[in-house]
């Protein structure tokens, strides 16, 4: 076929200098970046912190003694007092600074992405993702006290507190706490990064061992937070795994959402921001986040034809008692 000479086409009128055909650009914005933060949603909320270093006491009862027996009428000396271990963590400031020109604010754009209000919304969502990544990070994410003008404070991840019910790869070790850097039982906050160790395959035996260890210590874990890779591996477990779509839905499906362990049900929760080689098995009654300053956005000084906003918060992680939780590190 032949197009007659002089026939105008869309190619003619969409090419400079005759670029007059209007674009067909949707106002709907297809934002695919995930916003789910299951770790933050599952742990408790401590509320308001009063300082950049937050501390809490941990009490552990004496070991059970099956031979606790006294002679009738006997006088008895005092037993050792029940004391507390003092733990701590620092807060961490997270920020996003968004700025647009006055012209950007005046023009019409697709979905108004260029406007300051939309940029502030995106900044808030980005901080939320950053918080989840820190909270659910590897045992290497320890607390950093910071130094004036040179080093930012950092809050330790949940994994950095876990030392008892843990499974590491060969050469792996938990984070050490301040106050006793050469011993696992020291007080304070995690200061020396943990080492996950040599990566090994995830097995159901490893998974069950740490669940039992947490139960033995007195914990009742409810959630296992896993990466996408670990979720698919757990779905192949054949032991006491009951495949449920929901806890109340008994239809057999191909994925495990609830794992029926010997020590209670454990909900398997995929988390896009968890350290990919770490599985966190948590009792939500013993993990919290707290705020020194809640999420806010503030205008910055206007010095010309632009506007800027600072989105910020200051928060910290609390692990009430690490023995209530469990962790598997260095698995693939």
C-alpha atoms as a PDB file:
ATOM      1  CA  UNK A   1       0.000   0.000   0.000  1.00  0.00           C
ATOM      2  CA  UNK A   2       1.053   3.578  -0.690  1.00  0.00           C
ATOM      3  CA  UNK A   3       0.272   6.674   1.392  1.00  0.00           C
ATOM      4  CA  UNK A   4      -0.617   9.587  -0.916  1.00  0.00           C
ATOM      5  CA  UNK A   5       1.955  12.364  -0.983  1.00  0.00           C
ATOM      6  CA  UNK A   6       1.211  15.216   1.422  1.00  0.00           C
ATOM      7  CA  UNK A   7      -0.936  13.116   3.749  1.00  0.00           C
ATOM      8  CA  UNK A   8      -0.567  14.206   7.336  1.00  0.00           C
ATOM      9  CA  UNK A   9      -0.076  11.427   9.891  1.00  0.00           C
ATOM     10  CA  UNK A  10       0.511  11.260  13.629  1.00  0.00           C
ATOM     11  CA  UNK A  11       4.199  10.892  12.823  1.00  0.00           C
ATOM     12  CA  UNK A  12       4.087  14.224  10.996  1.00  0.00           C
ATOM     13  CA  UNK A  13       2.463  16.127  13.857  1.00  0.00           C
ATOM     14  CA  UNK A  14       4.331  14.503  16.749  1.00  0.00           C
ATOM     15  CA  UNK A  15       7.800  15.318  15.429  1.00  0.00           C
ATOM     16  CA  UNK A  16       9.429  18.729  15.973  1.00  0.00           C
ATOM     17  CA  UNK A  17       8.899  21.380  14.818  1.00  0.00           C
ATOM     18  CA  UNK A  18       5.251  20.256  14.246  1.00  0.00           C
ATOM     19  CA  UNK A  19       4.936  18.644  17.655  1.00  0.00           C
ATOM     20  CA  UNK A  20       1.274  19.461  18.366  1.00  0.00           C
ATOM     21  CA  UNK A  21      -0.344  16.154  19.319  1.00  0.00           C
ATOM     22  CA  UNK A  22      -1.178  16.048  23.002  1.00  0.00           C
ATOM     23  CA  UNK A  23       0.347  13.328  25.115  1.00  0.00           C
ATOM     24  CA  UNK A  24      -1.881  10.633  26.584  1.00  0.00           C
ATOM     25  CA  UNK A  25      -0.500  10.472  30.117  1.00  0.00           C
ATOM     26  CA  UNK A  26      -2.564   9.027  32.959  1.00  0.00           C
ATOM     27  CA  UNK A  27      -3.021  10.836  36.257  1.00  0.00           C
ATOM     28  CA  UNK A  28      -2.980   7.514  38.077  1.00  0.00           C
ATOM     29  CA  UNK A  29       0.453   6.689  39.517  1.00  0.00           C
ATOM     30  CA  UNK A  30       1.488   3.021  39.428  1.00  0.00           C
ATOM     31  CA  UNK A  31       3.724   2.832  42.512  1.00  0.00           C
ATOM     32  CA  UNK A  32       4.897  -0.740  43.006  1.00  0.00           C
ATOM     33  CA  UNK A  33       7.309  -0.265  45.920  1.00  0.00           C
ATOM     34  CA  UNK A  34       5.958  -2.374  48.835  1.00  0.00           C
ATOM     35  CA  UNK A  35       4.712  -0.584  51.923  1.00  0.00           C
ATOM     36  CA  UNK A  36       3.891  -3.564  54.168  1.00  0.00           C
ATOM     37  CA  UNK A  37       5.910  -3.549  57.401  1.00  0.00           C
ATOM     38  CA  UNK A  38       4.731  -6.674  59.252  1.00  0.00           C
ATOM     39  CA  UNK A  39       7.464  -6.539  61.875  1.00  0.00           C
ATOM     40  CA  UNK A  40       6.516  -3.040  63.008  1.00  0.00           C
ATOM     41  CA  UNK A  41       2.838  -3.964  62.958  1.00  0.00           C
ATOM     42  CA  UNK A  42       3.372  -7.050  65.130  1.00  0.00           C
ATOM     43  CA  UNK A  43       5.511  -5.682  67.953  1.00  0.00           C
ATOM     44  CA  UNK A  44       4.205  -3.519  70.762  1.00  0.00           C
ATOM     45  CA  UNK A  45       4.332   0.262  71.161  1.00  0.00           C
ATOM     46  CA  UNK A  46       6.178   1.564  74.203  1.00  0.00           C
ATOM     47  CA  UNK A  47       5.083   5.120  73.644  1.00  0.00           C
ATOM     48  CA  UNK A  48       7.202   8.112  74.548  1.00  0.00           C
ATOM     49  CA  UNK A  49      10.913   7.809  75.331  1.00  0.00           C
ATOM     50  CA  UNK A  50      12.435  10.430  77.616  1.00  0.00           C
ATOM     51  CA  UNK A  51      16.048  10.207  76.489  1.00  0.00           C
ATOM     52  CA  UNK A  52      18.225   9.039  73.608  1.00  0.00           C
ATOM     53  CA  UNK A  53      19.332   6.057  75.729  1.00  0.00           C
ATOM     54  CA  UNK A  54      16.370   3.970  76.873  1.00  0.00           C
ATOM     55  CA  UNK A  55      16.910   1.318  79.553  1.00  0.00           C
ATOM     56  CA  UNK A  56      14.796  -1.458  81.023  1.00  0.00           C
ATOM     57  CA  UNK A  57      15.282  -4.148  83.707  1.00  0.00           C
ATOM     58  CA  UNK A  58      15.101  -7.868  83.006  1.00  0.00           C
ATOM     59  CA  UNK A  59      14.366 -10.250  85.865  1.00  0.00           C
ATOM     60  CA  UNK A  60      14.993 -13.986  85.756  1.00  0.00           C
ATOM     61  CA  UNK A  61      13.857 -16.357  88.514  1.00  0.00           C
ATOM     62  CA  UNK A  62      16.148 -18.932  90.079  1.00  0.00           C
ATOM     63  CA  UNK A  63      16.258 -22.336  88.418  1.00  0.00           C
ATOM     64  CA  UNK A  64      13.539 -24.756  89.491  1.00  0.00           C
ATOM     65  CA  UNK A  65      14.704 -27.033  92.318  1.00  0.00           C
ATOM     66  CA  UNK A  66      12.878 -30.333  92.708  1.00  0.00           C
ATOM     67  CA  UNK A  67      14.739 -30.961  96.000  1.00  0.00           C
ATOM     68  CA  UNK A  68      13.474 -27.806  97.741  1.00  0.00           C
ATOM     69  CA  UNK A  69      12.744 -29.358 101.146  1.00  0.00           C
ATOM     70  CA  UNK A  70      13.250 -28.171 104.723  1.00  0.00           C
ATOM     71  CA  UNK A  71      13.161 -29.883 108.102  1.00  0.00           C
ATOM     72  CA  UNK A  72       9.983 -29.128 110.045  1.00  0.00           C
ATOM     73  CA  UNK A  73      10.536 -26.341 112.556  1.00  0.00           C
ATOM     74  CA  UNK A  74      13.973 -25.495 111.171  1.00  0.00           C
ATOM     75  CA  UNK A  75      15.182 -21.909 110.967  1.00  0.00           C
ATOM     76  CA  UNK A  76      16.209 -20.903 107.468  1.00  0.00           C
ATOM     77  CA  UNK A  77      18.711 -18.420 106.040  1.00  0.00           C
ATOM     78  CA  UNK A  78      17.783 -15.984 103.304  1.00  0.00           C
ATOM     79  CA  UNK A  79      18.031 -17.146  99.741  1.00  0.00           C
ATOM     80  CA  UNK A  80      19.917 -15.053  97.233  1.00  0.00           C
ATOM     81  CA  UNK A  81      17.866 -11.996  96.233  1.00  0.00           C
ATOM     82  CA  UNK A  82      16.242 -11.888  92.823  1.00  0.00           C
ATOM     83  CA  UNK A  83      18.128  -9.198  90.926  1.00  0.00           C
ATOM     84  CA  UNK A  84      17.687  -7.559  87.545  1.00  0.00           C
ATOM     85  CA  UNK A  85      19.828  -7.222  84.452  1.00  0.00           C
ATOM     86  CA  UNK A  86      19.776  -3.694  83.066  1.00  0.00           C
ATOM     87  CA  UNK A  87      19.492  -3.570  79.279  1.00  0.00           C
ATOM     88  CA  UNK A  88      19.476  -0.558  76.987  1.00  0.00           C
ATOM     89  CA  UNK A  89      19.266   0.705  73.422  1.00  0.00           C
ATOM     90  CA  UNK A  90      19.827   4.003  71.688  1.00  0.00           C
ATOM     91  CA  UNK A  91      17.347   5.909  69.563  1.00  0.00           C
ATOM     92  CA  UNK A  92      17.944   6.601  65.886  1.00  0.00           C
ATOM     93  CA  UNK A  93      16.988   9.666  63.877  1.00  0.00           C
ATOM     94  CA  UNK A  94      15.667   8.988  60.383  1.00  0.00           C
ATOM     95  CA  UNK A  95      15.016  11.766  57.880  1.00  0.00           C
ATOM     96  CA  UNK A  96      13.982  12.511  54.319  1.00  0.00           C
ATOM     97  CA  UNK A  97      14.332  16.008  52.876  1.00  0.00           C
ATOM     98  CA  UNK A  98      12.069  16.868  49.964  1.00  0.00           C
ATOM     99  CA  UNK A  99      12.236  20.064  47.913  1.00  0.00           C
ATOM    100  CA  UNK A 100      10.469  21.364  44.816  1.00  0.00           C
ATOM    101  CA  UNK A 101      10.635  24.614  42.905  1.00  0.00           C
ATOM    102  CA  UNK A 102       7.825  27.156  43.005  1.00  0.00           C
ATOM    103  CA  UNK A 103       7.253  26.390  39.330  1.00  0.00           C
ATOM    104  CA  UNK A 104       6.882  22.685  40.087  1.00  0.00           C
ATOM    105  CA  UNK A 105       4.181  23.559  42.592  1.00  0.00           C
ATOM    106  CA  UNK A 106       2.352  25.713  40.023  1.00  0.00           C
ATOM    107  CA  UNK A 107       2.327  23.421  36.996  1.00  0.00           C
ATOM    108  CA  UNK A 108      -0.003  20.463  36.425  1.00  0.00           C
ATOM    109  CA  UNK A 109       1.669  17.082  36.320  1.00  0.00           C
ATOM    110  CA  UNK A 110       0.594  13.472  36.001  1.00  0.00           C
ATOM    111  CA  UNK A 111      -0.632  12.490  39.439  1.00  0.00           C
ATOM    112  CA  UNK A 112       0.896  15.731  40.756  1.00  0.00           C
ATOM    113  CA  UNK A 113       4.009  13.751  41.651  1.00  0.00           C
ATOM    114  CA  UNK A 114       6.060  16.920  41.350  1.00  0.00           C
ATOM    115  CA  UNK A 115       4.143  18.770  44.083  1.00  0.00           C
ATOM    116  CA  UNK A 116       5.570  19.092  47.570  1.00  0.00           C
ATOM    117  CA  UNK A 117       2.658  17.368  49.342  1.00  0.00           C
ATOM    118  CA  UNK A 118       3.111  14.216  47.264  1.00  0.00           C
ATOM    119  CA  UNK A 119       6.887  14.269  47.812  1.00  0.00           C
ATOM    120  CA  UNK A 120       6.358  14.536  51.581  1.00  0.00           C
ATOM    121  CA  UNK A 121       3.984  11.546  51.443  1.00  0.00           C
ATOM    122  CA  UNK A 122       6.604   9.499  49.606  1.00  0.00           C
ATOM    123  CA  UNK A 123       9.254  10.553  52.134  1.00  0.00           C
ATOM    124  CA  UNK A 124       7.101   9.351  55.021  1.00  0.00           C
ATOM    125  CA  UNK A 125       6.575   5.994  53.317  1.00  0.00           C
ATOM    126  CA  UNK A 126      10.297   5.682  52.642  1.00  0.00           C
ATOM    127  CA  UNK A 127      11.137   6.226  56.332  1.00  0.00           C
ATOM    128  CA  UNK A 128       8.601   3.561  57.295  1.00  0.00           C
ATOM    129  CA  UNK A 129      10.413   1.090  55.020  1.00  0.00           C
ATOM    130  CA  UNK A 130      13.771   2.154  56.494  1.00  0.00           C
ATOM    131  CA  UNK A 131      12.455   1.491  60.017  1.00  0.00           C
ATOM    132  CA  UNK A 132      11.325  -2.015  59.090  1.00  0.00           C
ATOM    133  CA  UNK A 133      14.713  -2.778  57.526  1.00  0.00           C
ATOM    134  CA  UNK A 134      16.477  -1.663  60.722  1.00  0.00           C
ATOM    135  CA  UNK A 135      14.078  -3.407  63.118  1.00  0.00           C
ATOM    136  CA  UNK A 136      14.237  -6.715  61.233  1.00  0.00           C
ATOM    137  CA  UNK A 137      17.892  -6.513  60.224  1.00  0.00           C
ATOM    138  CA  UNK A 138      20.753  -8.928  60.858  1.00  0.00           C
ATOM    139  CA  UNK A 139      22.583  -9.451  64.187  1.00  0.00           C
ATOM    140  CA  UNK A 140      25.310  -7.170  62.839  1.00  0.00           C
ATOM    141  CA  UNK A 141      23.051  -4.106  63.288  1.00  0.00           C
ATOM    142  CA  UNK A 142      24.108  -3.151  66.810  1.00  0.00           C
ATOM    143  CA  UNK A 143      23.584   0.062  68.771  1.00  0.00           C
ATOM    144  CA  UNK A 144      25.811   3.066  68.102  1.00  0.00           C
ATOM    145  CA  UNK A 145      25.982   5.759  70.811  1.00  0.00           C
ATOM    146  CA  UNK A 146      27.041   8.390  68.298  1.00  0.00           C
ATOM    147  CA  UNK A 147      29.356  11.351  68.756  1.00  0.00           C
ATOM    148  CA  UNK A 148      28.562  15.049  68.572  1.00  0.00           C
ATOM    149  CA  UNK A 149      28.873  16.346  65.044  1.00  0.00           C
ATOM    150  CA  UNK A 150      30.561  13.237  63.643  1.00  0.00           C
ATOM    151  CA  UNK A 151      28.621   9.987  64.179  1.00  0.00           C
ATOM    152  CA  UNK A 152      24.874   9.386  64.090  1.00  0.00           C
ATOM    153  CA  UNK A 153      23.182   7.314  66.805  1.00  0.00           C
ATOM    154  CA  UNK A 154      21.785   3.958  65.690  1.00  0.00           C
ATOM    155  CA  UNK A 155      19.313   1.654  67.393  1.00  0.00           C
ATOM    156  CA  UNK A 156      20.135  -2.051  67.606  1.00  0.00           C
ATOM    157  CA  UNK A 157      17.985  -4.462  65.601  1.00  0.00           C
ATOM    158  CA  UNK A 158      15.981  -7.166  67.356  1.00  0.00           C
ATOM    159  CA  UNK A 159      18.409  -9.803  66.069  1.00  0.00           C
ATOM    160  CA  UNK A 160      21.355  -8.083  67.770  1.00  0.00           C
ATOM    161  CA  UNK A 161      19.789  -8.752  71.191  1.00  0.00           C
ATOM    162  CA  UNK A 162      19.199 -12.470  70.621  1.00  0.00           C
ATOM    163  CA  UNK A 163      21.812 -14.716  72.243  1.00  0.00           C
ATOM    164  CA  UNK A 164      20.140 -17.727  73.853  1.00  0.00           C
ATOM    165  CA  UNK A 165      17.751 -19.479  71.454  1.00  0.00           C
ATOM    166  CA  UNK A 166      19.831 -19.035  68.330  1.00  0.00           C
ATOM    167  CA  UNK A 167      21.321 -21.089  65.539  1.00  0.00           C
ATOM    168  CA  UNK A 168      24.321 -19.654  63.671  1.00  0.00           C
ATOM    169  CA  UNK A 169      26.369 -21.022  60.820  1.00  0.00           C
ATOM    170  CA  UNK A 170      29.888 -22.297  61.399  1.00  0.00           C
ATOM    171  CA  UNK A 171      32.123 -19.521  62.813  1.00  0.00           C
ATOM    172  CA  UNK A 172      28.998 -17.495  63.634  1.00  0.00           C
ATOM    173  CA  UNK A 173      28.449 -15.707  66.962  1.00  0.00           C
ATOM    174  CA  UNK A 174      25.842 -13.435  68.571  1.00  0.00           C
ATOM    175  CA  UNK A 175      26.407  -9.741  69.167  1.00  0.00           C
ATOM    176  CA  UNK A 176      28.166  -8.894  72.447  1.00  0.00           C
ATOM    177  CA  UNK A 177      26.660  -6.403  74.853  1.00  0.00           C
ATOM    178  CA  UNK A 178      28.331  -3.414  76.443  1.00  0.00           C
ATOM    179  CA  UNK A 179      29.485  -3.962  79.993  1.00  0.00           C
ATOM    180  CA  UNK A 180      30.874  -7.407  79.189  1.00  0.00           C
ATOM    181  CA  UNK A 181      32.237  -7.489  75.634  1.00  0.00           C
ATOM    182  CA  UNK A 182      33.946 -10.830  76.147  1.00  0.00           C
ATOM    183  CA  UNK A 183      30.887 -12.664  77.476  1.00  0.00           C
ATOM    184  CA  UNK A 184      27.434 -13.418  76.156  1.00  0.00           C
ATOM    185  CA  UNK A 185      25.742 -12.546  79.446  1.00  0.00           C
ATOM    186  CA  UNK A 186      26.842  -8.926  79.694  1.00  0.00           C
ATOM    187  CA  UNK A 187      24.421  -6.092  80.300  1.00  0.00           C
ATOM    188  CA  UNK A 188      23.699  -2.886  78.418  1.00  0.00           C
ATOM    189  CA  UNK A 189      23.149  -2.683  74.682  1.00  0.00           C
ATOM    190  CA  UNK A 190      24.542  -4.749  71.763  1.00  0.00           C
ATOM    191  CA  UNK A 191      27.813  -3.102  70.810  1.00  0.00           C
ATOM    192  CA  UNK A 192      29.924  -5.709  68.965  1.00  0.00           C
ATOM    193  CA  UNK A 193      28.273  -6.880  65.712  1.00  0.00           C
ATOM    194  CA  UNK A 194      27.076 -10.457  65.540  1.00  0.00           C
ATOM    195  CA  UNK A 195      28.459 -12.735  62.839  1.00  0.00           C
ATOM    196  CA  UNK A 196      25.862 -14.952  61.088  1.00  0.00           C
ATOM    197  CA  UNK A 197      28.540 -17.470  60.065  1.00  0.00           C
ATOM    198  CA  UNK A 198      28.814 -19.778  57.096  1.00  0.00           C
ATOM    199  CA  UNK A 199      25.619 -19.989  55.071  1.00  0.00           C
ATOM    200  CA  UNK A 200      23.912 -23.397  55.231  1.00  0.00           C
ATOM    201  CA  UNK A 201      20.608 -24.824  53.991  1.00  0.00           C
ATOM    202  CA  UNK A 202      17.530 -24.247  56.117  1.00  0.00           C
ATOM    203  CA  UNK A 203      16.180 -27.498  57.534  1.00  0.00           C
ATOM    204  CA  UNK A 204      13.103 -28.288  59.559  1.00  0.00           C
ATOM    205  CA  UNK A 205      15.327 -29.714  62.285  1.00  0.00           C
ATOM    206  CA  UNK A 206      17.070 -26.355  62.808  1.00  0.00           C
ATOM    207  CA  UNK A 207      13.717 -24.576  62.750  1.00  0.00           C
ATOM    208  CA  UNK A 208      12.190 -26.879  65.371  1.00  0.00           C
ATOM    209  CA  UNK A 209      15.235 -26.746  67.636  1.00  0.00           C
ATOM    210  CA  UNK A 210      15.107 -22.980  68.136  1.00  0.00           C
ATOM    211  CA  UNK A 211      11.327 -23.016  68.646  1.00  0.00           C
ATOM    212  CA  UNK A 212      11.767 -25.615  71.402  1.00  0.00           C
ATOM    213  CA  UNK A 213      14.613 -23.584  72.934  1.00  0.00           C
ATOM    214  CA  UNK A 214      12.400 -20.481  73.189  1.00  0.00           C
ATOM    215  CA  UNK A 215       9.585 -22.497  74.773  1.00  0.00           C
ATOM    216  CA  UNK A 216      11.988 -24.033  77.288  1.00  0.00           C
ATOM    217  CA  UNK A 217      13.101 -20.562  78.378  1.00  0.00           C
ATOM    218  CA  UNK A 218       9.485 -19.461  78.914  1.00  0.00           C
ATOM    219  CA  UNK A 219       8.674 -17.809  75.601  1.00  0.00           C
ATOM    220  CA  UNK A 220       5.568 -18.403  73.520  1.00  0.00           C
ATOM    221  CA  UNK A 221       6.537 -17.274  69.999  1.00  0.00           C
ATOM    222  CA  UNK A 222       3.648 -16.432  67.687  1.00  0.00           C
ATOM    223  CA  UNK A 223       5.367 -15.285  64.491  1.00  0.00           C
ATOM    224  CA  UNK A 224       8.244 -16.415  62.299  1.00  0.00           C
ATOM    225  CA  UNK A 225       9.353 -13.560  60.045  1.00  0.00           C
ATOM    226  CA  UNK A 226      11.035 -14.820  56.897  1.00  0.00           C
ATOM    227  CA  UNK A 227      12.245 -13.687  53.505  1.00  0.00           C
ATOM    228  CA  UNK A 228      10.525 -14.828  50.339  1.00  0.00           C
ATOM    229  CA  UNK A 229      13.165 -17.513  49.834  1.00  0.00           C
ATOM    230  CA  UNK A 230      12.722 -18.866  53.366  1.00  0.00           C
ATOM    231  CA  UNK A 231       8.930 -18.830  52.978  1.00  0.00           C
ATOM    232  CA  UNK A 232       9.120 -21.165  49.993  1.00  0.00           C
ATOM    233  CA  UNK A 233      11.532 -23.480  51.829  1.00  0.00           C
ATOM    234  CA  UNK A 234       9.322 -23.689  54.919  1.00  0.00           C
ATOM    235  CA  UNK A 235       6.423 -24.606  52.632  1.00  0.00           C
ATOM    236  CA  UNK A 236       8.301 -27.848  51.841  1.00  0.00           C
ATOM    237  CA  UNK A 237       8.529 -28.935  55.490  1.00  0.00           C
ATOM    238  CA  UNK A 238       6.789 -32.245  56.104  1.00  0.00           C
ATOM    239  CA  UNK A 239       6.848 -32.660  59.905  1.00  0.00           C
ATOM    240  CA  UNK A 240       4.120 -31.135  62.040  1.00  0.00           C
ATOM    241  CA  UNK A 241       3.302 -28.615  59.344  1.00  0.00           C
ATOM    242  CA  UNK A 242      -0.386 -28.067  58.722  1.00  0.00           C
ATOM    243  CA  UNK A 243      -1.093 -26.181  55.526  1.00  0.00           C
ATOM    244  CA  UNK A 244      -3.753 -23.559  56.185  1.00  0.00           C
ATOM    245  CA  UNK A 245      -4.905 -20.659  54.091  1.00  0.00           C
ATOM    246  CA  UNK A 246      -6.028 -19.031  57.334  1.00  0.00           C
ATOM    247  CA  UNK A 247      -6.118 -20.362  60.853  1.00  0.00           C
ATOM    248  CA  UNK A 248      -9.910 -20.739  60.597  1.00  0.00           C
ATOM    249  CA  UNK A 249      -9.865 -22.085  57.028  1.00  0.00           C
ATOM    250  CA  UNK A 250      -9.133 -25.816  56.827  1.00  0.00           C
ATOM    251  CA  UNK A 251      -8.753 -26.027  53.050  1.00  0.00           C
ATOM    252  CA  UNK A 252      -5.456 -27.642  52.064  1.00  0.00           C
ATOM    253  CA  UNK A 253      -3.280 -25.359  49.945  1.00  0.00           C
ATOM    254  CA  UNK A 254       0.335 -25.351  48.778  1.00  0.00           C
ATOM    255  CA  UNK A 255       1.759 -22.786  51.213  1.00  0.00           C
ATOM    256  CA  UNK A 256       2.202 -22.914  54.969  1.00  0.00           C
ATOM    257  CA  UNK A 257       0.772 -19.877  56.722  1.00  0.00           C
ATOM    258  CA  UNK A 258       0.518 -21.565  60.123  1.00  0.00           C
ATOM    259  CA  UNK A 259       3.169 -24.021  61.304  1.00  0.00           C
ATOM    260  CA  UNK A 260       1.885 -26.473  63.906  1.00  0.00           C
ATOM    261  CA  UNK A 261       4.972 -27.000  66.062  1.00  0.00           C
ATOM    262  CA  UNK A 262       5.138 -29.260  69.105  1.00  0.00           C
ATOM    263  CA  UNK A 263       4.978 -26.074  71.192  1.00  0.00           C
ATOM    264  CA  UNK A 264       2.085 -24.209  69.611  1.00  0.00           C
ATOM    265  CA  UNK A 265       1.061 -22.561  66.375  1.00  0.00           C
ATOM    266  CA  UNK A 266       3.528 -20.288  64.630  1.00  0.00           C
ATOM    267  CA  UNK A 267       2.370 -17.912  61.922  1.00  0.00           C
ATOM    268  CA  UNK A 268       4.827 -17.717  59.022  1.00  0.00           C
ATOM    269  CA  UNK A 269       5.043 -14.064  57.941  1.00  0.00           C
ATOM    270  CA  UNK A 270       6.955 -13.090  54.788  1.00  0.00           C
ATOM    271  CA  UNK A 271       8.750  -9.769  55.203  1.00  0.00           C
ATOM    272  CA  UNK A 272      10.295  -8.016  52.210  1.00  0.00           C
ATOM    273  CA  UNK A 273      12.667  -6.003  54.400  1.00  0.00           C
ATOM    274  CA  UNK A 274      14.025  -8.677  56.759  1.00  0.00           C
ATOM    275  CA  UNK A 275      17.650  -9.674  56.412  1.00  0.00           C
ATOM    276  CA  UNK A 276      17.398 -12.429  53.756  1.00  0.00           C
ATOM    277  CA  UNK A 277      19.582 -14.890  55.680  1.00  0.00           C
ATOM    278  CA  UNK A 278      17.829 -14.434  59.031  1.00  0.00           C
ATOM    279  CA  UNK A 279      14.618 -15.920  60.440  1.00  0.00           C
ATOM    280  CA  UNK A 280      13.202 -14.113  63.473  1.00  0.00           C
ATOM    281  CA  UNK A 281      10.833 -16.111  65.674  1.00  0.00           C
ATOM    282  CA  UNK A 282       9.169 -13.614  67.987  1.00  0.00           C
ATOM    283  CA  UNK A 283       6.951 -13.514  71.027  1.00  0.00           C
ATOM    284  CA  UNK A 284       5.275 -10.121  70.426  1.00  0.00           C
ATOM    285  CA  UNK A 285       4.820  -9.538  74.158  1.00  0.00           C
ATOM    286  CA  UNK A 286       8.591  -9.077  74.510  1.00  0.00           C
ATOM    287  CA  UNK A 287       9.428  -6.765  71.597  1.00  0.00           C
ATOM    288  CA  UNK A 288       8.471  -3.119  71.164  1.00  0.00           C
ATOM    289  CA  UNK A 289       9.395   0.108  69.466  1.00  0.00           C
ATOM    290  CA  UNK A 290       9.318   3.483  71.181  1.00  0.00           C
ATOM    291  CA  UNK A 291       9.415   7.090  70.022  1.00  0.00           C
ATOM    292  CA  UNK A 292      11.500   9.978  71.263  1.00  0.00           C
ATOM    293  CA  UNK A 293       9.974  12.063  68.455  1.00  0.00           C
ATOM    294  CA  UNK A 294       7.082  10.788  66.357  1.00  0.00           C
ATOM    295  CA  UNK A 295       6.840  11.129  62.587  1.00  0.00           C
ATOM    296  CA  UNK A 296       6.534  14.773  61.559  1.00  0.00           C
ATOM    297  CA  UNK A 297       7.219  17.083  58.638  1.00  0.00           C
ATOM    298  CA  UNK A 298       8.485  20.621  59.066  1.00  0.00           C
ATOM    299  CA  UNK A 299       9.075  23.448  56.573  1.00  0.00           C
ATOM    300  CA  UNK A 300      12.695  24.463  56.068  1.00  0.00           C
ATOM    301  CA  UNK A 301      13.777  28.058  55.509  1.00  0.00           C
ATOM    302  CA  UNK A 302      12.747  29.498  52.134  1.00  0.00           C
ATOM    303  CA  UNK A 303      15.755  31.123  50.486  1.00  0.00           C
ATOM    304  CA  UNK A 304      14.531  31.477  46.913  1.00  0.00           C
ATOM    305  CA  UNK A 305      12.150  30.061  44.348  1.00  0.00           C
ATOM    306  CA  UNK A 306      11.771  26.679  45.995  1.00  0.00           C
ATOM    307  CA  UNK A 307      10.156  25.026  49.010  1.00  0.00           C
ATOM    308  CA  UNK A 308      11.618  22.323  51.237  1.00  0.00           C
ATOM    309  CA  UNK A 309      10.236  20.003  53.900  1.00  0.00           C
ATOM    310  CA  UNK A 310      12.044  17.836  56.424  1.00  0.00           C
ATOM    311  CA  UNK A 311      10.321  14.552  57.264  1.00  0.00           C
ATOM    312  CA  UNK A 312      11.788  12.999  60.414  1.00  0.00           C
ATOM    313  CA  UNK A 313      11.350  10.785  63.455  1.00  0.00           C
ATOM    314  CA  UNK A 314      13.479   9.436  66.303  1.00  0.00           C
ATOM    315  CA  UNK A 315      12.728   5.952  67.538  1.00  0.00           C
ATOM    316  CA  UNK A 316      14.287   2.891  69.165  1.00  0.00           C
ATOM    317  CA  UNK A 317      13.919  -0.873  69.526  1.00  0.00           C
ATOM    318  CA  UNK A 318      13.163  -2.604  72.837  1.00  0.00           C
ATOM    319  CA  UNK A 319      13.655  -6.340  73.346  1.00  0.00           C
ATOM    320  CA  UNK A 320      12.058  -6.938  76.745  1.00  0.00           C
ATOM    321  CA  UNK A 321      13.651 -10.339  77.242  1.00  0.00           C
ATOM    322  CA  UNK A 322      15.658 -11.975  74.479  1.00  0.00           C
ATOM    323  CA  UNK A 323      14.964 -15.460  75.845  1.00  0.00           C
ATOM    324  CA  UNK A 324      11.336 -15.193  74.699  1.00  0.00           C
ATOM    325  CA  UNK A 325      12.473 -15.136  71.062  1.00  0.00           C
ATOM    326  CA  UNK A 326      14.506 -17.307  68.716  1.00  0.00           C
ATOM    327  CA  UNK A 327      16.590 -16.808  65.594  1.00  0.00           C
ATOM    328  CA  UNK A 328      18.074 -18.801  62.772  1.00  0.00           C
ATOM    329  CA  UNK A 329      20.960 -17.012  61.036  1.00  0.00           C
ATOM    330  CA  UNK A 330      22.997 -17.735  57.918  1.00  0.00           C
ATOM    331  CA  UNK A 331      20.445 -19.869  56.064  1.00  0.00           C
ATOM    332  CA  UNK A 332      19.624 -19.994  52.386  1.00  0.00           C
END
